[in-house]
Amino acid sequence: MEQPRTIQLRPGSLIANGLKDLFRPPFALLLLIDLLIVGALASVSDQVDDASFFGVIILTVMSAFVQIALTMAAASEEQRSSDEWVKLAFKRRVFWRFILTGIVTIAAVFVGLLAFIIGGLILGAMLGLAQTVAIQEHAWPSTAIRRSIALGRGHRMPIGSIFAITFILPNALMQAGAQLRWDRELGLAWNALGAAATVLTLAGVVALARAYVALGGKSTEVAPAAAPLR
């Protein structure tokens, strides 16, 4: 009788490979776009008027589509250009699923961290695949969360490690720095720190997408282009 295949997730390797791949096509251009968006967000976030508020919304939406494209590319073996992945991200029609799942995940982890730090880390391990599920399986938050919990059963430690290192840690550092006004004290070094945090977070997006596929999740399926009419 054939023994079931043992799945081993190595968070260090997944994150390291995610970082390497971010600087290769098609991920490199997606990374550059998101870095430009983050820089633009930083420049308008301190302004308080209707135009800047609208600009923040537009830039946030653009960043979400970049992350959707990045997830789809990381969960696929197909070789496509970055602009093709962005177009496919729009065609996927999972924006609200992705956003709402992200809000629920962030809120749950934040409350867990406030109540008890370990609780936040445990919730991160359970919900770490939820946004990937929302994209790949067109799932709304409740379904994405249940699926994330089910897929990650037996692999909480590696998923939690990836989520903590690439999402919780850089975001906590940037939030603490903003509260302490490091942007005024560090100047350009603060901008470099923000760029590094963005790179690490996007490496986490890639790593979690690949962990999701390794655990039996759906690879990105793209319909072949129709042959031209003669």
Protein backbone atom coordinates (compact mmCIF):
# COMPACT_ATOMS: atom_id res chain seq x y z
CA MET A 1 0.00 0.00 0.00
CA GLU A 2 1.40 3.38 -1.04
CA GLN A 3 2.22 5.63 1.89
CA PRO A 4 0.85 9.19 1.83
CA ARG A 5 3.42 11.78 0.84
CA THR A 6 4.79 13.76 3.77
CA ILE A 7 4.74 17.49 3.14
CA GLN A 8 7.52 19.49 4.73
CA LEU A 9 7.37 23.26 4.67
CA ARG A 10 10.63 25.05 5.42
CA PRO A 11 9.80 28.68 6.20
CA GLY A 12 13.40 29.85 5.84
CA SER A 13 13.70 28.38 2.34
CA LEU A 14 10.27 29.65 1.27
CA ILE A 15 11.06 33.20 2.41
CA ALA A 16 14.59 33.13 0.94
CA ASN A 17 13.32 31.87 -2.42
CA GLY A 18 10.55 34.45 -2.34
CA LEU A 19 13.11 37.21 -1.80
CA LYS A 20 15.30 35.93 -4.65
CA ASP A 21 12.38 35.62 -7.05
CA LEU A 22 11.16 39.15 -6.31
CA PHE A 23 14.19 40.43 -8.20
CA ARG A 24 13.52 38.22 -11.24
CA PRO A 25 10.85 38.44 -13.94
CA PRO A 26 7.91 38.61 -13.69
CA PHE A 27 8.02 39.50 -10.00
CA ALA A 28 10.60 42.29 -10.29
CA LEU A 29 8.32 44.72 -12.11
CA LEU A 30 5.46 43.98 -9.71
CA LEU A 31 7.83 44.71 -6.83
CA LEU A 32 8.90 47.98 -8.43
CA ILE A 33 5.28 49.04 -8.97
CA ASP A 34 4.41 48.33 -5.34
CA LEU A 35 7.47 50.20 -4.08
CA LEU A 36 6.42 53.23 -6.14
CA ILE A 37 2.89 52.95 -4.74
CA VAL A 38 4.20 52.76 -1.16
CA GLY A 39 6.39 55.81 -1.79
CA ALA A 40 3.42 57.72 -3.20
CA LEU A 41 1.28 56.70 -0.22
CA ALA A 42 3.93 57.98 2.18
CA SER A 43 4.00 61.35 0.41
CA VAL A 44 0.22 61.89 0.53
CA SER A 45 -0.63 60.27 3.86
CA ASP A 46 0.40 63.34 5.87
CA GLN A 47 -1.88 65.65 3.88
CA VAL A 48 -5.44 66.11 5.09
CA ASP A 49 -7.79 67.07 2.26
CA ASP A 50 -10.29 65.43 -0.07
CA ALA A 51 -7.81 65.06 -2.94
CA SER A 52 -5.19 63.29 -0.82
CA PHE A 53 -7.84 61.02 0.72
CA PHE A 54 -9.02 60.01 -2.76
CA GLY A 55 -5.39 59.47 -3.79
CA VAL A 56 -4.80 57.15 -0.82
CA ILE A 57 -7.82 55.06 -1.82
CA ILE A 58 -6.67 54.79 -5.45
CA LEU A 59 -3.13 53.84 -4.46
CA THR A 60 -4.37 51.27 -1.94
CA VAL A 61 -6.57 49.67 -4.59
CA MET A 62 -3.61 49.54 -6.99
CA SER A 63 -1.42 47.91 -4.34
CA ALA A 64 -4.11 45.28 -3.71
CA PHE A 65 -4.19 44.34 -7.39
CA VAL A 66 -0.39 44.08 -7.43
CA GLN A 67 -0.58 41.62 -4.51
CA ILE A 68 -3.31 39.64 -6.26
CA ALA A 69 -1.15 39.45 -9.40
CA LEU A 70 1.87 38.45 -7.31
CA THR A 71 -0.08 35.67 -5.59
CA MET A 72 -1.41 34.32 -8.88
CA ALA A 73 2.08 34.32 -10.42
CA ALA A 74 3.63 32.62 -7.38
CA ALA A 75 0.93 29.92 -7.39
CA SER A 76 1.50 29.11 -11.05
CA GLU A 77 4.14 27.29 -13.05
CA GLU A 78 3.28 29.29 -16.17
CA GLN A 79 5.78 31.80 -17.45
CA ARG A 80 3.97 35.05 -18.17
CA SER A 81 4.98 38.69 -18.16
CA SER A 82 4.13 40.96 -15.24
CA ASP A 83 1.62 42.99 -17.26
CA GLU A 84 -0.21 39.76 -18.16
CA TRP A 85 -0.46 38.85 -14.48
CA VAL A 86 -1.82 42.32 -13.66
CA LYS A 87 -4.46 41.97 -16.39
CA LEU A 88 -5.36 38.52 -15.07
CA ALA A 89 -5.63 39.96 -11.55
CA PHE A 90 -8.31 42.36 -12.79
CA LYS A 91 -10.09 39.59 -14.69
CA ARG A 92 -10.04 37.38 -11.58
CA ARG A 93 -12.68 39.58 -9.91
CA VAL A 94 -11.62 38.76 -6.37
CA PHE A 95 -10.84 42.29 -5.18
CA TRP A 96 -13.53 42.49 -2.49
CA ARG A 97 -12.93 38.91 -1.41
CA PHE A 98 -9.22 39.70 -1.01
CA ILE A 99 -9.79 43.01 0.82
CA LEU A 100 -12.48 41.76 3.20
CA THR A 101 -10.51 38.61 4.02
CA GLY A 102 -7.46 40.78 4.71
CA ILE A 103 -9.45 43.06 7.02
CA VAL A 104 -10.83 40.12 9.00
CA THR A 105 -7.39 38.50 9.23
CA ILE A 106 -5.64 41.69 10.32
CA ALA A 107 -8.34 42.51 12.87
CA ALA A 108 -8.24 39.01 14.37
CA VAL A 109 -4.43 38.96 14.61
CA PHE A 110 -4.35 42.51 16.04
CA VAL A 111 -6.89 41.66 18.75
CA GLY A 112 -4.97 38.48 19.50
CA LEU A 113 -1.72 40.40 19.86
CA LEU A 114 -3.34 42.95 22.17
CA ALA A 115 -4.93 40.27 24.33
CA PHE A 116 -1.94 37.96 24.44
CA ILE A 117 1.03 38.02 22.05
CA ILE A 118 1.07 34.25 21.61
CA GLY A 119 -2.62 34.38 20.75
CA GLY A 120 -1.92 36.74 17.86
CA LEU A 121 0.83 34.47 16.56
CA ILE A 122 -1.45 31.44 16.78
CA LEU A 123 -4.19 33.27 14.88
CA GLY A 124 -1.62 34.30 12.27
CA ALA A 125 -0.65 30.65 11.84
CA MET A 126 -4.30 29.67 11.40
CA LEU A 127 -5.30 32.52 9.08
CA GLY A 128 -2.04 32.97 7.19
CA LEU A 129 -3.32 31.30 4.01
CA ALA A 130 -6.74 32.99 4.03
CA GLN A 131 -5.99 35.75 1.52
CA THR A 132 -4.32 33.30 -0.83
CA VAL A 133 -7.43 31.11 -0.61
CA ALA A 134 -9.63 34.13 -1.32
CA ILE A 135 -7.72 34.76 -4.56
CA GLN A 136 -7.19 31.21 -5.76
CA GLU A 137 -10.59 29.82 -4.82
CA HIS A 138 -12.77 32.93 -5.20
CA ALA A 139 -13.70 32.59 -1.53
CA TRP A 140 -15.36 35.11 0.77
CA PRO A 141 -13.85 35.61 4.25
CA SER A 142 -15.72 32.90 6.17
CA THR A 143 -14.94 30.24 3.55
CA ALA A 144 -11.35 31.44 3.10
CA ILE A 145 -10.73 31.30 6.86
CA ARG A 146 -12.16 27.80 7.23
CA ARG A 147 -10.13 26.61 4.25
CA SER A 148 -6.95 28.23 5.61
CA ILE A 149 -7.42 26.50 8.96
CA ALA A 150 -8.03 23.15 7.24
CA LEU A 151 -5.06 23.42 4.84
CA GLY A 152 -2.65 24.48 7.55
CA ARG A 153 -3.55 21.70 9.99
CA GLY A 154 -0.32 20.01 10.98
CA HIS A 155 1.74 22.88 9.52
CA ARG A 156 0.92 25.72 11.93
CA MET A 157 4.55 26.35 12.88
CA PRO A 158 5.96 27.01 9.36
CA ILE A 159 2.93 29.01 8.25
CA GLY A 160 2.95 30.99 11.48
CA SER A 161 6.68 31.63 11.14
CA ILE A 162 6.27 32.98 7.60
CA PHE A 163 3.34 35.16 8.64
CA ALA A 164 5.11 36.50 11.73
CA ILE A 165 8.41 37.27 9.97
CA THR A 166 7.01 38.81 6.78
CA PHE A 167 3.77 40.43 7.95
CA ILE A 168 3.57 40.97 11.70
CA LEU A 169 7.21 41.97 12.28
CA PRO A 170 7.66 44.56 9.48
CA ASN A 171 4.22 46.09 10.02
CA ALA A 172 4.74 46.33 13.77
CA LEU A 173 8.15 47.94 13.21
CA MET A 174 6.76 50.52 10.78
CA GLN A 175 3.80 51.34 13.03
CA ALA A 176 6.09 51.78 16.03
CA GLY A 177 8.45 53.94 13.98
CA ALA A 178 5.58 56.13 12.80
CA GLN A 179 4.40 56.64 16.37
CA LEU A 180 7.92 57.53 17.50
CA ARG A 181 8.35 59.90 14.51
CA TRP A 182 11.37 58.06 13.17
CA ASP A 183 10.59 59.55 9.77
CA ARG A 184 11.79 62.93 11.06
CA GLU A 185 14.83 61.55 12.83
CA LEU A 186 16.04 59.07 10.23
CA GLY A 187 15.19 60.90 7.00
CA LEU A 188 16.17 58.81 3.97
CA ALA A 189 17.02 55.86 6.21
CA TRP A 190 13.33 55.74 7.19
CA ASN A 191 12.38 55.52 3.51
CA ALA A 192 14.90 52.71 3.03
CA LEU A 193 13.44 50.91 6.05
CA GLY A 194 9.94 51.23 4.57
CA ALA A 195 11.15 49.82 1.25
CA ALA A 196 12.80 46.89 3.04
CA ALA A 197 9.57 46.20 4.95
CA THR A 198 7.62 46.20 1.67
CA VAL A 199 10.07 43.79 0.04
CA LEU A 200 9.87 41.44 3.04
CA THR A 201 6.06 41.53 3.05
CA LEU A 202 5.87 40.77 -0.68
CA ALA A 203 8.33 37.90 -0.19
CA GLY A 204 5.83 36.62 2.37
CA VAL A 205 3.04 36.85 -0.20
CA VAL A 206 5.09 34.66 -2.56
CA ALA A 207 6.10 32.24 0.20
CA LEU A 208 2.52 31.75 1.46
CA ALA A 209 1.20 31.26 -2.08
CA ARG A 210 3.74 28.49 -2.66
CA ALA A 211 3.02 26.95 0.75
CA TYR A 212 -0.68 26.96 -0.15
CA VAL A 213 -0.01 25.06 -3.39
CA ALA A 214 2.34 22.62 -1.64
CA LEU A 215 -0.42 21.81 0.88
CA GLY A 216 -2.86 20.91 -1.88
CA GLY A 217 -4.28 24.28 -2.82
CA LYS A 218 -5.23 25.23 -6.36
CA SER A 219 -2.52 26.34 -8.75
CA THR A 220 -3.41 29.34 -10.86
CA GLU A 221 -5.35 28.14 -13.87
CA VAL A 222 -5.28 30.46 -16.83
CA ALA A 223 -7.40 29.81 -19.89
CA PRO A 224 -5.24 29.66 -23.03
CA ALA A 225 -5.61 32.54 -25.42
CA ALA A 226 -7.93 31.89 -28.31
CA ALA A 227 -6.26 31.22 -31.65
CA PRO A 228 -6.54 34.12 -34.10
CA LEU A 229 -9.19 33.81 -36.80
CA ARG A 230 -7.97 33.30 -40.33
